[in-house]
Amino acid sequence: MWCLAMPVVALSMYVVPAWIPVLCPVACYLALSAGVIAHNHNHCPTFRSRKLNEAMGMWLSLFYGYPTFVWIPTHNLNHHKFVNKAGDATITWRYSRKHNFLVAFLFPFVSTYWQQEPTKAFIDKARERNRALYRQILTQYAVWGGTHAALLGLAMVLHGVGGGARIWAFAFLVPALFSLWTIMFFNYIQHVHTDPWSEHDHSRSFTGRLINFFLFNNGLHAVHHETPGLHWSLLPAAHAKIEATIDPALKPVSFFGWCFRSYVVAPFLPRFGTAQVGRAPYEPPAGVELDVRFGDDLQAVDSGVNVARV
């Protein structure tokens, strides 16, 4: 239903541009949903058919904002292995060990820059060792770029160059940018000041029913890291089994309430902010060298492959 709603909402703005103020926020949510669905799809493929899974990835790419294969090298094979420890391209503490709104706001831009390394390494290895996967990657880029060029052209034909560019931007570009930023912001808040050396305190989980309904249980982040191949619909039951072992500070109910306390109240009343739980990610065991550089140990693999935590 969500995947079918994505083009309906976006293209409705082509038909009635006056609806943009109402529909653009909906398109932003659906673009974020496309990112969450892509995340789930790359951990636990939706279909048994490889061709259908490839088509699903291409469809989601159109609304998420970027070809969805990038989840494999940056997330499945890198983030899930290191989980905010040295070697993770998306570590929350690369330039600052503080947690405030400025650091959180800038994190998606920092993360985007550092994720280029595993993405490039993955594409290079696919070209050298897995030509079928390499063709799939090129096809995703071609479909993603070509379709948006066509959508921009269609908008300009219908509404003129300036008006068409504006409508395409509100229907597709703004939602895509919102999705990409928000996905990485979520990654930040789910790991900042957590203990990646711990069995269960490595991630922050948001347990509220509302956010988990609208984001397909992706608030339950700790259990996802421990069972990454588990279908998203089974996460609540799995979370219930480990919930009692998770530090209370790492299982807030309300996402918006937590953000309000962390970014609005905490600057004036620091006790409402976060504090490091357990052992910090930059405190490795004795004798282990701390090296935040990306180590190229990726394999050129298809979706559904999940590396175990180290």
C-alpha atoms as a PDB file:
ATOM      1  CA  MET A   1       0.000   0.000   0.000  1.00  0.00           C
ATOM      2  CA  TRP A   2       2.808   2.419   0.887  1.00  0.00           C
ATOM      3  CA  CYS A   3       4.680   1.655  -2.342  1.00  0.00           C
ATOM      4  CA  LEU A   4       1.556   2.263  -4.412  1.00  0.00           C
ATOM      5  CA  ALA A   5       0.794   5.520  -2.588  1.00  0.00           C
ATOM      6  CA  MET A   6       4.234   6.963  -3.422  1.00  0.00           C
ATOM      7  CA  PRO A   7       3.608   7.736  -7.139  1.00  0.00           C
ATOM      8  CA  VAL A   8      -0.045   8.650  -6.535  1.00  0.00           C
ATOM      9  CA  VAL A   9       0.871  11.390  -4.053  1.00  0.00           C
ATOM     10  CA  ALA A  10       3.853  12.649  -6.069  1.00  0.00           C
ATOM     11  CA  LEU A  11       2.071  12.777  -9.435  1.00  0.00           C
ATOM     12  CA  SER A  12      -1.051  14.356  -7.937  1.00  0.00           C
ATOM     13  CA  MET A  13       1.067  17.486  -7.545  1.00  0.00           C
ATOM     14  CA  TYR A  14       1.643  17.413 -11.301  1.00  0.00           C
ATOM     15  CA  VAL A  15      -2.119  17.346 -11.856  1.00  0.00           C
ATOM     16  CA  VAL A  16      -3.084  19.949  -9.256  1.00  0.00           C
ATOM     17  CA  PRO A  17      -0.077  22.094  -8.243  1.00  0.00           C
ATOM     18  CA  ALA A  18      -2.256  23.932  -5.706  1.00  0.00           C
ATOM     19  CA  TRP A  19      -2.155  20.755  -3.593  1.00  0.00           C
ATOM     20  CA  ILE A  20       1.631  21.015  -3.106  1.00  0.00           C
ATOM     21  CA  PRO A  21       1.478  22.524   0.432  1.00  0.00           C
ATOM     22  CA  VAL A  22      -0.642  19.583   1.584  1.00  0.00           C
ATOM     23  CA  LEU A  23       0.876  16.762  -0.463  1.00  0.00           C
ATOM     24  CA  CYS A  24       4.588  17.606  -0.210  1.00  0.00           C
ATOM     25  CA  PRO A  25       4.740  16.727   3.522  1.00  0.00           C
ATOM     26  CA  VAL A  26       2.952  13.448   2.736  1.00  0.00           C
ATOM     27  CA  ALA A  27       5.458  12.783  -0.051  1.00  0.00           C
ATOM     28  CA  CYS A  28       8.279  13.452   2.441  1.00  0.00           C
ATOM     29  CA  TYR A  29       6.885  10.819   4.798  1.00  0.00           C
ATOM     30  CA  LEU A  30       6.442   8.340   1.938  1.00  0.00           C
ATOM     31  CA  ALA A  31      10.015   8.974   0.763  1.00  0.00           C
ATOM     32  CA  LEU A  32      11.212   8.257   4.294  1.00  0.00           C
ATOM     33  CA  SER A  33       9.076   5.109   4.224  1.00  0.00           C
ATOM     34  CA  ALA A  34      10.767   4.130   0.963  1.00  0.00           C
ATOM     35  CA  GLY A  35      14.112   4.353   2.743  1.00  0.00           C
ATOM     36  CA  VAL A  36      12.875   2.244   5.656  1.00  0.00           C
ATOM     37  CA  ILE A  37      11.352  -0.335   3.300  1.00  0.00           C
ATOM     38  CA  ALA A  38      14.607  -0.420   1.317  1.00  0.00           C
ATOM     39  CA  HIS A  39      16.475  -1.049   4.581  1.00  0.00           C
ATOM     40  CA  ASN A  40      14.140  -3.914   5.442  1.00  0.00           C
ATOM     41  CA  HIS A  41      14.227  -5.265   1.886  1.00  0.00           C
ATOM     42  CA  ASN A  42      18.037  -5.413   1.843  1.00  0.00           C
ATOM     43  CA  HIS A  43      18.088  -7.308   5.134  1.00  0.00           C
ATOM     44  CA  CYS A  44      15.224  -9.685   4.381  1.00  0.00           C
ATOM     45  CA  PRO A  45      14.273  -9.682   0.672  1.00  0.00           C
ATOM     46  CA  THR A  46      10.571  -9.176   0.043  1.00  0.00           C
ATOM     47  CA  PHE A  47      10.145 -11.822  -2.671  1.00  0.00           C
ATOM     48  CA  ARG A  48      11.539 -15.248  -3.455  1.00  0.00           C
ATOM     49  CA  SER A  49      12.201 -14.179  -7.037  1.00  0.00           C
ATOM     50  CA  ARG A  50      15.506 -12.397  -7.572  1.00  0.00           C
ATOM     51  CA  LYS A  51      14.039 -10.435 -10.494  1.00  0.00           C
ATOM     52  CA  LEU A  52      11.155  -9.173  -8.362  1.00  0.00           C
ATOM     53  CA  ASN A  53      13.595  -8.167  -5.626  1.00  0.00           C
ATOM     54  CA  GLU A  54      15.663  -6.232  -8.164  1.00  0.00           C
ATOM     55  CA  ALA A  55      12.511  -4.510  -9.430  1.00  0.00           C
ATOM     56  CA  MET A  56      11.510  -3.673  -5.855  1.00  0.00           C
ATOM     57  CA  GLY A  57      14.900  -2.074  -5.256  1.00  0.00           C
ATOM     58  CA  MET A  58      14.596   0.037  -8.399  1.00  0.00           C
ATOM     59  CA  TRP A  59      11.062   1.134  -7.508  1.00  0.00           C
ATOM     60  CA  LEU A  60      12.105   2.235  -4.021  1.00  0.00           C
ATOM     61  CA  SER A  61      15.144   4.069  -5.445  1.00  0.00           C
ATOM     62  CA  LEU A  62      12.847   6.441  -7.338  1.00  0.00           C
ATOM     63  CA  PHE A  63      11.297   7.733  -4.099  1.00  0.00           C
ATOM     64  CA  TYR A  64      14.047   7.152  -1.528  1.00  0.00           C
ATOM     65  CA  GLY A  65      16.409   9.479  -3.372  1.00  0.00           C
ATOM     66  CA  TYR A  66      19.280   7.180  -4.343  1.00  0.00           C
ATOM     67  CA  PRO A  67      19.813   3.649  -5.723  1.00  0.00           C
ATOM     68  CA  THR A  68      19.062   1.284  -2.861  1.00  0.00           C
ATOM     69  CA  PHE A  69      22.034  -1.022  -3.447  1.00  0.00           C
ATOM     70  CA  VAL A  70      24.091   1.406  -1.312  1.00  0.00           C
ATOM     71  CA  TRP A  71      22.461  -0.099   1.787  1.00  0.00           C
ATOM     72  CA  ILE A  72      24.502  -3.269   1.246  1.00  0.00           C
ATOM     73  CA  PRO A  73      28.076  -1.910   1.538  1.00  0.00           C
ATOM     74  CA  THR A  74      27.360   0.961   3.930  1.00  0.00           C
ATOM     75  CA  HIS A  75      24.838  -0.728   6.207  1.00  0.00           C
ATOM     76  CA  ASN A  76      24.613  -4.519   5.909  1.00  0.00           C
ATOM     77  CA  LEU A  77      28.336  -5.148   5.465  1.00  0.00           C
ATOM     78  CA  ASN A  78      29.824  -2.215   7.392  1.00  0.00           C
ATOM     79  CA  HIS A  79      27.558  -0.652  10.019  1.00  0.00           C
ATOM     80  CA  HIS A  80      26.159  -3.992  11.181  1.00  0.00           C
ATOM     81  CA  LYS A  81      29.651  -5.372  11.568  1.00  0.00           C
ATOM     82  CA  PHE A  82      31.178  -2.556  13.629  1.00  0.00           C
ATOM     83  CA  VAL A  83      28.046  -0.950  15.172  1.00  0.00           C
ATOM     84  CA  ASN A  84      29.479   2.503  15.915  1.00  0.00           C
ATOM     85  CA  LYS A  85      32.960   1.195  16.728  1.00  0.00           C
ATOM     86  CA  ALA A  86      36.117   2.087  14.795  1.00  0.00           C
ATOM     87  CA  GLY A  87      35.726   0.879  11.216  1.00  0.00           C
ATOM     88  CA  ASP A  88      32.067   1.901  10.967  1.00  0.00           C
ATOM     89  CA  ALA A  89      31.721   4.556   8.254  1.00  0.00           C
ATOM     90  CA  THR A  90      28.798   6.061  10.193  1.00  0.00           C
ATOM     91  CA  ILE A  91      30.357   6.428  13.647  1.00  0.00           C
ATOM     92  CA  THR A  92      28.642   9.109  15.727  1.00  0.00           C
ATOM     93  CA  TRP A  93      31.893  10.283  17.374  1.00  0.00           C
ATOM     94  CA  ARG A  94      34.204  10.919  14.418  1.00  0.00           C
ATOM     95  CA  TYR A  95      34.595  14.667  15.040  1.00  0.00           C
ATOM     96  CA  SER A  96      32.820  15.188  18.354  1.00  0.00           C
ATOM     97  CA  ARG A  97      31.982  13.075  21.390  1.00  0.00           C
ATOM     98  CA  LYS A  98      29.313  15.557  22.425  1.00  0.00           C
ATOM     99  CA  HIS A  99      25.623  15.154  21.714  1.00  0.00           C
ATOM    100  CA  ASN A 100      23.717  18.293  20.824  1.00  0.00           C
ATOM    101  CA  PHE A 101      21.488  19.488  18.013  1.00  0.00           C
ATOM    102  CA  LEU A 102      24.306  20.920  15.892  1.00  0.00           C
ATOM    103  CA  VAL A 103      26.271  17.656  15.944  1.00  0.00           C
ATOM    104  CA  ALA A 104      23.104  15.659  15.227  1.00  0.00           C
ATOM    105  CA  PHE A 105      22.052  18.001  12.409  1.00  0.00           C
ATOM    106  CA  LEU A 106      25.449  17.848  10.693  1.00  0.00           C
ATOM    107  CA  PHE A 107      25.920  14.100  11.142  1.00  0.00           C
ATOM    108  CA  PRO A 108      24.035  13.100   7.943  1.00  0.00           C
ATOM    109  CA  PHE A 109      26.368  15.270   5.855  1.00  0.00           C
ATOM    110  CA  VAL A 110      29.462  13.845   7.563  1.00  0.00           C
ATOM    111  CA  SER A 111      28.081  10.321   7.224  1.00  0.00           C
ATOM    112  CA  THR A 112      27.328  10.820   3.529  1.00  0.00           C
ATOM    113  CA  TYR A 113      30.931  11.828   2.889  1.00  0.00           C
ATOM    114  CA  TRP A 114      32.463   8.853   4.698  1.00  0.00           C
ATOM    115  CA  GLN A 115      30.042   6.329   3.190  1.00  0.00           C
ATOM    116  CA  GLN A 116      31.543   7.047  -0.221  1.00  0.00           C
ATOM    117  CA  GLU A 117      34.510   4.797   0.588  1.00  0.00           C
ATOM    118  CA  PRO A 118      32.627   1.514   1.195  1.00  0.00           C
ATOM    119  CA  THR A 119      30.275   2.326  -1.688  1.00  0.00           C
ATOM    120  CA  LYS A 120      33.147   2.808  -4.131  1.00  0.00           C
ATOM    121  CA  ALA A 121      34.930  -0.314  -2.847  1.00  0.00           C
ATOM    122  CA  PHE A 122      31.737  -2.342  -3.290  1.00  0.00           C
ATOM    123  CA  ILE A 123      31.198  -1.131  -6.866  1.00  0.00           C
ATOM    124  CA  ASP A 124      34.844  -1.807  -7.755  1.00  0.00           C
ATOM    125  CA  LYS A 125      34.670  -5.361  -6.404  1.00  0.00           C
ATOM    126  CA  ALA A 126      31.378  -6.018  -8.158  1.00  0.00           C
ATOM    127  CA  ARG A 127      32.939  -4.882 -11.450  1.00  0.00           C
ATOM    128  CA  GLU A 128      35.930  -7.186 -10.915  1.00  0.00           C
ATOM    129  CA  ARG A 129      34.277 -10.262  -9.385  1.00  0.00           C
ATOM    130  CA  ASN A 130      30.494 -10.212  -9.793  1.00  0.00           C
ATOM    131  CA  ARG A 131      29.462  -8.941 -13.210  1.00  0.00           C
ATOM    132  CA  ALA A 132      25.781  -9.753 -12.663  1.00  0.00           C
ATOM    133  CA  LEU A 133      25.715  -7.581  -9.559  1.00  0.00           C
ATOM    134  CA  TYR A 134      27.662  -4.856 -11.351  1.00  0.00           C
ATOM    135  CA  ARG A 135      25.067  -4.831 -14.157  1.00  0.00           C
ATOM    136  CA  GLN A 136      22.339  -4.617 -11.522  1.00  0.00           C
ATOM    137  CA  ILE A 137      24.056  -1.593  -9.942  1.00  0.00           C
ATOM    138  CA  LEU A 138      24.427   0.146 -13.304  1.00  0.00           C
ATOM    139  CA  THR A 139      20.788  -0.605 -14.105  1.00  0.00           C
ATOM    140  CA  GLN A 140      19.666   0.931 -10.815  1.00  0.00           C
ATOM    141  CA  TYR A 141      21.634   4.084 -11.571  1.00  0.00           C
ATOM    142  CA  ALA A 142      20.236   4.232 -15.119  1.00  0.00           C
ATOM    143  CA  VAL A 143      16.619   3.655 -14.051  1.00  0.00           C
ATOM    144  CA  TRP A 144      16.915   6.106 -11.146  1.00  0.00           C
ATOM    145  CA  GLY A 145      18.562   8.875 -13.170  1.00  0.00           C
ATOM    146  CA  GLY A 146      16.624   8.277 -16.377  1.00  0.00           C
ATOM    147  CA  THR A 147      13.235   8.162 -14.682  1.00  0.00           C
ATOM    148  CA  HIS A 148      13.843  11.410 -12.817  1.00  0.00           C
ATOM    149  CA  ALA A 149      15.021  13.091 -16.007  1.00  0.00           C
ATOM    150  CA  ALA A 150      11.772  11.950 -17.642  1.00  0.00           C
ATOM    151  CA  LEU A 151       9.696  13.105 -14.653  1.00  0.00           C
ATOM    152  CA  LEU A 152      11.380  16.517 -14.735  1.00  0.00           C
ATOM    153  CA  GLY A 153      10.767  16.721 -18.486  1.00  0.00           C
ATOM    154  CA  LEU A 154       7.112  15.764 -18.058  1.00  0.00           C
ATOM    155  CA  ALA A 155       6.613  18.454 -15.417  1.00  0.00           C
ATOM    156  CA  MET A 156       8.170  21.059 -17.732  1.00  0.00           C
ATOM    157  CA  VAL A 157       5.967  19.995 -20.645  1.00  0.00           C
ATOM    158  CA  LEU A 158       2.860  20.314 -18.488  1.00  0.00           C
ATOM    159  CA  HIS A 159       3.744  23.492 -16.577  1.00  0.00           C
ATOM    160  CA  GLY A 160       6.599  25.243 -18.368  1.00  0.00           C
ATOM    161  CA  VAL A 161      10.296  25.170 -17.545  1.00  0.00           C
ATOM    162  CA  GLY A 162      10.212  27.148 -14.307  1.00  0.00           C
ATOM    163  CA  GLY A 163       6.876  25.845 -13.058  1.00  0.00           C
ATOM    164  CA  GLY A 164       7.735  22.279 -14.005  1.00  0.00           C
ATOM    165  CA  ALA A 165      11.087  22.385 -12.216  1.00  0.00           C
ATOM    166  CA  ARG A 166       9.348  23.737  -9.125  1.00  0.00           C
ATOM    167  CA  ILE A 167       6.677  21.033  -9.150  1.00  0.00           C
ATOM    168  CA  TRP A 168       9.218  18.222  -9.726  1.00  0.00           C
ATOM    169  CA  ALA A 169      11.300  19.600  -6.842  1.00  0.00           C
ATOM    170  CA  PHE A 170       8.371  19.528  -4.412  1.00  0.00           C
ATOM    171  CA  ALA A 171       7.119  16.155  -5.657  1.00  0.00           C
ATOM    172  CA  PHE A 172      10.459  14.305  -5.735  1.00  0.00           C
ATOM    173  CA  LEU A 173      13.579  16.303  -4.840  1.00  0.00           C
ATOM    174  CA  VAL A 174      12.520  17.769  -1.484  1.00  0.00           C
ATOM    175  CA  PRO A 175      11.063  14.423  -0.281  1.00  0.00           C
ATOM    176  CA  ALA A 176      14.252  12.617  -1.342  1.00  0.00           C
ATOM    177  CA  LEU A 177      16.498  15.062   0.517  1.00  0.00           C
ATOM    178  CA  PHE A 178      14.255  14.795   3.571  1.00  0.00           C
ATOM    179  CA  SER A 179      14.409  11.003   3.410  1.00  0.00           C
ATOM    180  CA  LEU A 180      18.180  10.796   3.034  1.00  0.00           C
ATOM    181  CA  TRP A 181      18.826  13.244   5.881  1.00  0.00           C
ATOM    182  CA  THR A 182      16.270  11.715   8.230  1.00  0.00           C
ATOM    183  CA  ILE A 183      17.435   8.125   7.706  1.00  0.00           C
ATOM    184  CA  MET A 184      20.966   9.093   8.746  1.00  0.00           C
ATOM    185  CA  PHE A 185      19.716  11.271  11.609  1.00  0.00           C
ATOM    186  CA  PHE A 186      17.858   8.213  12.932  1.00  0.00           C
ATOM    187  CA  ASN A 187      21.060   6.212  12.714  1.00  0.00           C
ATOM    188  CA  TYR A 188      22.816   8.871  14.783  1.00  0.00           C
ATOM    189  CA  ILE A 189      20.295   9.062  17.598  1.00  0.00           C
ATOM    190  CA  GLN A 190      19.969   5.278  17.763  1.00  0.00           C
ATOM    191  CA  HIS A 191      23.698   4.953  18.551  1.00  0.00           C
ATOM    192  CA  VAL A 192      24.972   8.153  20.158  1.00  0.00           C
ATOM    193  CA  HIS A 193      26.134   7.524  23.751  1.00  0.00           C
ATOM    194  CA  THR A 194      25.337   3.799  23.569  1.00  0.00           C
ATOM    195  CA  ASP A 195      27.732   0.960  24.425  1.00  0.00           C
ATOM    196  CA  PRO A 196      28.760  -0.987  21.289  1.00  0.00           C
ATOM    197  CA  TRP A 197      30.789  -3.426  23.445  1.00  0.00           C
ATOM    198  CA  SER A 198      27.645  -4.500  25.302  1.00  0.00           C
ATOM    199  CA  GLU A 199      25.461  -7.460  24.429  1.00  0.00           C
ATOM    200  CA  HIS A 200      22.221  -5.440  24.434  1.00  0.00           C
ATOM    201  CA  ASP A 201      23.087  -1.769  25.145  1.00  0.00           C
ATOM    202  CA  HIS A 202      24.665  -1.129  21.741  1.00  0.00           C
ATOM    203  CA  SER A 203      21.622   0.703  20.356  1.00  0.00           C
ATOM    204  CA  ARG A 204      18.837   3.032  21.442  1.00  0.00           C
ATOM    205  CA  SER A 205      15.335   1.680  20.790  1.00  0.00           C
ATOM    206  CA  PHE A 206      12.198   3.800  20.552  1.00  0.00           C
ATOM    207  CA  THR A 207       9.365   1.614  21.785  1.00  0.00           C
ATOM    208  CA  GLY A 208       6.294   3.752  21.058  1.00  0.00           C
ATOM    209  CA  ARG A 209       3.571   2.077  19.016  1.00  0.00           C
ATOM    210  CA  LEU A 210       2.985   5.087  16.774  1.00  0.00           C
ATOM    211  CA  ILE A 211       6.529   5.457  15.442  1.00  0.00           C
ATOM    212  CA  ASN A 212       6.894   1.709  15.025  1.00  0.00           C
ATOM    213  CA  PHE A 213       3.652   1.507  13.066  1.00  0.00           C
ATOM    214  CA  PHE A 214       4.592   4.303  10.677  1.00  0.00           C
ATOM    215  CA  LEU A 215       8.230   3.148  10.334  1.00  0.00           C
ATOM    216  CA  PHE A 216       7.654  -0.616  10.215  1.00  0.00           C
ATOM    217  CA  ASN A 217       9.088  -1.367  13.678  1.00  0.00           C
ATOM    218  CA  ASN A 218      12.410   0.308  12.888  1.00  0.00           C
ATOM    219  CA  GLY A 219      12.339   2.004  16.277  1.00  0.00           C
ATOM    220  CA  LEU A 220      13.256  -1.376  17.809  1.00  0.00           C
ATOM    221  CA  HIS A 221      16.891  -1.013  16.893  1.00  0.00           C
ATOM    222  CA  ALA A 222      18.694  -3.165  19.460  1.00  0.00           C
ATOM    223  CA  VAL A 223      16.925  -6.373  18.496  1.00  0.00           C
ATOM    224  CA  HIS A 224      17.377  -5.526  14.824  1.00  0.00           C
ATOM    225  CA  HIS A 225      21.156  -5.415  15.265  1.00  0.00           C
ATOM    226  CA  GLU A 226      21.076  -8.738  17.056  1.00  0.00           C
ATOM    227  CA  THR A 227      18.840 -10.445  14.466  1.00  0.00           C
ATOM    228  CA  PRO A 228      19.285  -8.364  11.276  1.00  0.00           C
ATOM    229  CA  GLY A 229      17.764 -10.970   8.975  1.00  0.00           C
ATOM    230  CA  LEU A 230      14.546 -11.197  10.989  1.00  0.00           C
ATOM    231  CA  HIS A 231      11.468  -9.918   9.162  1.00  0.00           C
ATOM    232  CA  TRP A 232      10.394  -6.516  10.484  1.00  0.00           C
ATOM    233  CA  SER A 233       6.941  -7.785  11.517  1.00  0.00           C
ATOM    234  CA  LEU A 234       8.576 -10.157  14.034  1.00  0.00           C
ATOM    235  CA  LEU A 235      10.689  -7.512  15.783  1.00  0.00           C
ATOM    236  CA  PRO A 236       8.192  -6.628  18.595  1.00  0.00           C
ATOM    237  CA  ALA A 237       8.101 -10.217  19.842  1.00  0.00           C
ATOM    238  CA  ALA A 238      11.887 -10.494  19.621  1.00  0.00           C
ATOM    239  CA  HIS A 239      12.328  -7.143  21.396  1.00  0.00           C
ATOM    240  CA  ALA A 240      10.075  -8.285  24.242  1.00  0.00           C
ATOM    241  CA  LYS A 241      12.496 -11.143  24.974  1.00  0.00           C
ATOM    242  CA  ILE A 242      15.479  -8.835  25.582  1.00  0.00           C
ATOM    243  CA  GLU A 243      13.740  -5.649  26.734  1.00  0.00           C
ATOM    244  CA  ALA A 244      14.377  -6.277  30.436  1.00  0.00           C
ATOM    245  CA  THR A 245      18.130  -6.539  29.815  1.00  0.00           C
ATOM    246  CA  ILE A 246      18.407  -3.161  28.062  1.00  0.00           C
ATOM    247  CA  ASP A 247      19.426  -0.092  30.077  1.00  0.00           C
ATOM    248  CA  PRO A 248      16.288   2.034  30.753  1.00  0.00           C
ATOM    249  CA  ALA A 249      18.010   5.093  29.229  1.00  0.00           C
ATOM    250  CA  LEU A 250      18.188   3.262  25.901  1.00  0.00           C
ATOM    251  CA  LYS A 251      14.512   2.442  25.475  1.00  0.00           C
ATOM    252  CA  PRO A 252      12.540   5.721  25.435  1.00  0.00           C
ATOM    253  CA  VAL A 253       8.924   5.490  24.354  1.00  0.00           C
ATOM    254  CA  SER A 254       8.359   8.718  22.439  1.00  0.00           C
ATOM    255  CA  PHE A 255      10.698   9.728  19.631  1.00  0.00           C
ATOM    256  CA  PHE A 256       9.449  13.321  19.585  1.00  0.00           C
ATOM    257  CA  GLY A 257       9.523  13.541  23.375  1.00  0.00           C
ATOM    258  CA  TRP A 258      13.133  12.315  23.415  1.00  0.00           C
ATOM    259  CA  CYS A 259      14.117  14.855  20.742  1.00  0.00           C
ATOM    260  CA  PHE A 260      12.406  17.664  22.650  1.00  0.00           C
ATOM    261  CA  ARG A 261      14.261  16.776  25.869  1.00  0.00           C
ATOM    262  CA  SER A 262      17.598  16.305  24.083  1.00  0.00           C
ATOM    263  CA  TYR A 263      17.576  19.351  21.814  1.00  0.00           C
ATOM    264  CA  VAL A 264      15.230  21.898  23.401  1.00  0.00           C
ATOM    265  CA  VAL A 265      15.361  21.284  27.147  1.00  0.00           C
ATOM    266  CA  ALA A 266      18.893  19.865  27.615  1.00  0.00           C
ATOM    267  CA  PRO A 267      20.760  23.043  26.525  1.00  0.00           C
ATOM    268  CA  PHE A 268      19.199  24.760  29.555  1.00  0.00           C
ATOM    269  CA  LEU A 269      18.850  21.751  31.871  1.00  0.00           C
ATOM    270  CA  PRO A 270      21.707  19.345  31.014  1.00  0.00           C
ATOM    271  CA  ARG A 271      20.267  16.508  33.103  1.00  0.00           C
ATOM    272  CA  PHE A 272      17.655  15.991  30.380  1.00  0.00           C
ATOM    273  CA  GLY A 273      20.362  15.271  27.796  1.00  0.00           C
ATOM    274  CA  THR A 274      22.010  11.926  27.110  1.00  0.00           C
ATOM    275  CA  ALA A 275      25.032  10.539  28.928  1.00  0.00           C
ATOM    276  CA  GLN A 276      27.359   7.754  27.877  1.00  0.00           C
ATOM    277  CA  VAL A 277      25.888   4.376  28.791  1.00  0.00           C
ATOM    278  CA  GLY A 278      28.497   1.794  29.682  1.00  0.00           C
ATOM    279  CA  ARG A 279      31.716   1.753  27.698  1.00  0.00           C
ATOM    280  CA  ALA A 280      32.247   4.354  25.000  1.00  0.00           C
ATOM    281  CA  PRO A 281      32.891   3.204  21.414  1.00  0.00           C
ATOM    282  CA  TYR A 282      36.259   4.986  21.405  1.00  0.00           C
ATOM    283  CA  GLU A 283      37.473   2.932  24.403  1.00  0.00           C
ATOM    284  CA  PRO A 284      38.625  -0.357  22.836  1.00  0.00           C
ATOM    285  CA  PRO A 285      39.954  -3.288  24.859  1.00  0.00           C
ATOM    286  CA  ALA A 286      43.567  -3.085  25.964  1.00  0.00           C
ATOM    287  CA  GLY A 287      45.960  -3.756  23.136  1.00  0.00           C
ATOM    288  CA  VAL A 288      43.442  -2.945  20.375  1.00  0.00           C
ATOM    289  CA  GLU A 289      44.449  -0.003  18.191  1.00  0.00           C
ATOM    290  CA  LEU A 290      41.812   2.672  17.619  1.00  0.00           C
ATOM    291  CA  ASP A 291      41.647   3.283  13.870  1.00  0.00           C
ATOM    292  CA  VAL A 292      38.555   4.993  12.459  1.00  0.00           C
ATOM    293  CA  ARG A 293      39.653   4.572   8.846  1.00  0.00           C
ATOM    294  CA  PHE A 294      37.561   2.351   6.594  1.00  0.00           C
ATOM    295  CA  GLY A 295      39.100  -1.081   6.140  1.00  0.00           C
ATOM    296  CA  ASP A 296      38.231  -2.618   2.789  1.00  0.00           C
ATOM    297  CA  ASP A 297      37.009  -6.098   3.688  1.00  0.00           C
ATOM    298  CA  LEU A 298      33.743  -5.939   1.748  1.00  0.00           C
ATOM    299  CA  GLN A 299      32.472  -8.686  -0.501  1.00  0.00           C
ATOM    300  CA  ALA A 300      30.537  -8.099  -3.706  1.00  0.00           C
ATOM    301  CA  VAL A 301      27.260  -9.688  -2.623  1.00  0.00           C
ATOM    302  CA  ASP A 302      23.572  -9.313  -3.334  1.00  0.00           C
ATOM    303  CA  SER A 303      20.882  -8.138  -0.913  1.00  0.00           C
ATOM    304  CA  GLY A 304      19.939 -10.215   2.114  1.00  0.00           C
ATOM    305  CA  VAL A 305      23.501 -10.674   3.375  1.00  0.00           C
ATOM    306  CA  ASN A 306      24.055  -9.534   6.947  1.00  0.00           C
ATOM    307  CA  VAL A 307      27.469  -9.470   8.598  1.00  0.00           C
ATOM    308  CA  ALA A 308      27.588 -10.422  12.275  1.00  0.00           C
ATOM    309  CA  ARG A 309      28.730  -7.905  14.893  1.00  0.00           C
ATOM    310  CA  VAL A 310      32.386  -8.023  15.919  1.00  0.00           C
END
